[in-house]
Amino acid sequence: MSSQAAPEDEQQDWTRHRREVVEAQEQALRAARDEEHEKATAMIRAAVDRYRAAGIAPVPLRARPYRGSGTVRTGLEGWYLKQDRSLAVDAEGRYYVLRVDGGLLSRLRGAAPEPSPAPLIVGRGARDGDTFRLEELLEMRLADPVTA
């Protein structure tokens, strides 16, 4: 009997070890994302201060529906980061991907997009291949703001 228990113990040890490794990797990824978000948020807040100092006023932000055309009111004010108005920041330095459900209720009442964790590389992994360093994007909007 003890000869059969040994492989089971080895399997349990391997499973436990593998779970610990995966958990450690997940914690490291979370920590890296949190650190990236903190750095990006600091950049955004500094940029918001520069926008205000340059006299660039925040504009009402509108979101695009996942399907269909047109835009949806959001109740947010801030600065668009891209000319296509798909990304924005608000006065508190929160980062938004301006895509929402475009259903009838959203079109009538407006939408409330949730802020997203701010990345240092905007568009990383996107299908269109359009990537920018956040710092560059913020500087581009200082030189060439997207107006309402």
Protein backbone atom coordinates (compact mmCIF):
# COMPACT_ATOMS: atom_id res chain seq x y z
CA MET A 1 0.00 0.00 0.00
CA SER A 2 2.75 2.45 0.79
CA SER A 3 4.19 1.96 -2.71
CA GLN A 4 0.91 3.22 -4.20
CA ALA A 5 0.68 6.16 -1.79
CA ALA A 6 4.05 7.54 -2.88
CA PRO A 7 2.96 8.43 -6.46
CA GLU A 8 -0.21 10.04 -5.08
CA ASP A 9 1.87 12.07 -2.62
CA GLU A 10 4.21 13.10 -5.44
CA GLN A 11 1.21 14.13 -7.55
CA GLN A 12 -0.22 16.20 -4.68
CA ASP A 13 3.19 17.81 -4.07
CA TRP A 14 3.50 18.64 -7.77
CA THR A 15 -0.06 20.05 -7.87
CA ARG A 16 0.54 22.15 -4.75
CA HIS A 17 3.87 23.42 -6.11
CA ARG A 18 2.29 24.29 -9.48
CA ARG A 19 -0.55 26.18 -7.75
CA GLU A 20 1.99 28.15 -5.68
CA VAL A 21 3.96 29.03 -8.81
CA VAL A 22 0.82 30.21 -10.64
CA GLU A 23 -0.29 32.27 -7.63
CA ALA A 24 3.15 33.89 -7.40
CA GLN A 25 3.04 34.73 -11.11
CA GLU A 26 -0.43 36.23 -10.76
CA GLN A 27 0.69 38.35 -7.80
CA ALA A 28 3.71 39.58 -9.74
CA LEU A 29 1.52 40.51 -12.73
CA ARG A 30 -0.93 42.34 -10.47
CA ALA A 31 1.90 44.23 -8.80
CA ALA A 32 3.37 45.19 -12.19
CA ARG A 33 -0.04 46.39 -13.45
CA ASP A 34 -0.60 48.39 -10.26
CA GLU A 35 2.83 50.01 -10.56
CA GLU A 36 2.20 50.82 -14.24
CA HIS A 37 -1.20 52.33 -13.37
CA GLU A 38 0.33 54.48 -10.61
CA LYS A 39 3.03 55.83 -12.96
CA ALA A 40 0.52 56.45 -15.74
CA THR A 41 -1.91 58.20 -13.38
CA ALA A 42 0.88 60.51 -12.17
CA MET A 43 1.63 61.38 -15.82
CA ILE A 44 -2.04 62.03 -16.53
CA ARG A 45 -2.44 64.30 -13.50
CA ALA A 46 0.65 66.29 -14.50
CA ALA A 47 -0.73 66.59 -18.04
CA VAL A 48 -4.11 67.79 -16.75
CA ASP A 49 -2.29 70.53 -14.81
CA ARG A 50 -0.40 71.50 -18.00
CA TYR A 51 -3.64 71.53 -20.04
CA ARG A 52 -5.25 73.87 -17.54
CA ALA A 53 -2.15 76.11 -17.40
CA ALA A 54 -2.18 76.29 -21.21
CA GLY A 55 -5.84 77.33 -21.15
CA ILE A 56 -7.10 74.09 -22.68
CA ALA A 57 -10.52 73.65 -21.10
CA PRO A 58 -12.11 70.25 -20.52
CA VAL A 59 -14.90 69.31 -22.91
CA PRO A 60 -18.01 67.17 -22.43
CA LEU A 61 -16.98 63.60 -23.22
CA ARG A 62 -19.11 61.37 -25.43
CA ALA A 63 -18.72 57.63 -25.88
CA ARG A 64 -19.14 55.48 -28.96
CA PRO A 65 -21.41 52.45 -28.87
CA TYR A 66 -19.96 48.98 -29.33
CA ARG A 67 -22.24 48.61 -32.35
CA GLY A 68 -23.79 51.16 -34.60
CA SER A 69 -22.95 54.77 -35.15
CA GLY A 70 -23.31 58.04 -33.32
CA THR A 71 -22.26 58.87 -29.79
CA VAL A 72 -23.72 58.67 -26.31
CA ARG A 73 -23.62 61.36 -23.61
CA THR A 74 -21.54 60.40 -20.57
CA GLY A 75 -21.82 63.18 -18.00
CA LEU A 76 -18.01 63.30 -17.92
CA GLU A 77 -15.77 66.23 -18.72
CA GLY A 78 -12.16 65.95 -19.67
CA TRP A 79 -9.75 65.73 -22.56
CA TYR A 80 -9.76 63.29 -25.45
CA LEU A 81 -6.41 61.57 -25.96
CA LYS A 82 -6.95 60.42 -29.52
CA GLN A 83 -8.43 62.23 -32.51
CA ASP A 84 -11.02 59.45 -32.89
CA ARG A 85 -12.24 60.30 -29.36
CA SER A 86 -11.99 56.71 -28.18
CA LEU A 87 -9.80 57.49 -25.15
CA ALA A 88 -9.97 60.31 -22.64
CA VAL A 89 -8.92 61.51 -19.21
CA ASP A 90 -10.98 63.48 -16.73
CA ALA A 91 -10.00 66.30 -14.40
CA GLU A 92 -9.16 63.86 -11.59
CA GLY A 93 -6.67 62.01 -13.78
CA ARG A 94 -8.83 58.97 -14.46
CA TYR A 95 -8.38 57.19 -17.78
CA TYR A 96 -11.39 56.15 -19.89
CA VAL A 97 -11.94 53.91 -22.86
CA LEU A 98 -15.03 55.56 -24.30
CA ARG A 99 -16.95 52.54 -25.55
CA VAL A 100 -20.37 51.74 -24.11
CA ASP A 101 -23.50 49.75 -24.76
CA GLY A 102 -25.38 51.75 -27.35
CA GLY A 103 -28.85 50.54 -26.54
CA LEU A 104 -31.90 52.77 -26.55
CA LEU A 105 -31.71 53.38 -22.80
CA SER A 106 -28.08 54.53 -23.07
CA ARG A 107 -28.94 56.83 -25.94
CA LEU A 108 -31.82 58.36 -23.97
CA ARG A 109 -30.30 58.54 -20.48
CA GLY A 110 -26.62 58.66 -21.33
CA ALA A 111 -23.95 56.25 -20.20
CA ALA A 112 -21.55 56.12 -17.28
CA PRO A 113 -18.31 54.52 -18.46
CA GLU A 114 -16.09 53.23 -15.68
CA PRO A 115 -12.46 54.40 -15.52
CA SER A 116 -9.90 51.86 -16.66
CA PRO A 117 -6.42 51.23 -15.30
CA ALA A 118 -4.17 53.67 -17.13
CA PRO A 119 -1.46 52.01 -19.25
CA LEU A 120 2.00 53.37 -20.05
CA ILE A 121 1.64 51.99 -23.59
CA VAL A 122 -1.74 52.90 -25.09
CA GLY A 123 -3.12 50.43 -27.60
CA ARG A 124 -0.79 47.56 -26.71
CA GLY A 125 -2.35 44.40 -28.05
CA ALA A 126 -5.02 46.24 -30.04
CA ARG A 127 -6.01 44.92 -33.44
CA ASP A 128 -5.31 48.14 -35.30
CA GLY A 129 -1.64 48.13 -34.23
CA ASP A 130 -1.92 51.79 -33.22
CA THR A 131 0.31 52.04 -30.14
CA PHE A 132 1.61 55.14 -28.39
CA ARG A 133 3.57 55.80 -25.27
CA LEU A 134 1.14 57.52 -22.90
CA GLU A 135 3.61 60.34 -22.37
CA GLU A 136 3.74 61.03 -26.14
CA LEU A 137 -0.04 60.96 -26.45
CA LEU A 138 -0.45 63.42 -23.58
CA GLU A 139 2.12 65.75 -25.18
CA MET A 140 0.41 65.51 -28.58
CA ARG A 141 -2.85 66.66 -26.99
CA LEU A 142 -1.10 69.59 -25.35
CA ALA A 143 0.13 70.73 -28.78
CA ASP A 144 -3.02 69.71 -30.66
CA PRO A 145 -6.08 69.32 -28.40
CA VAL A 146 -9.18 67.49 -29.60
CA THR A 147 -12.03 69.97 -29.26
CA ALA A 148 -15.71 69.20 -28.82
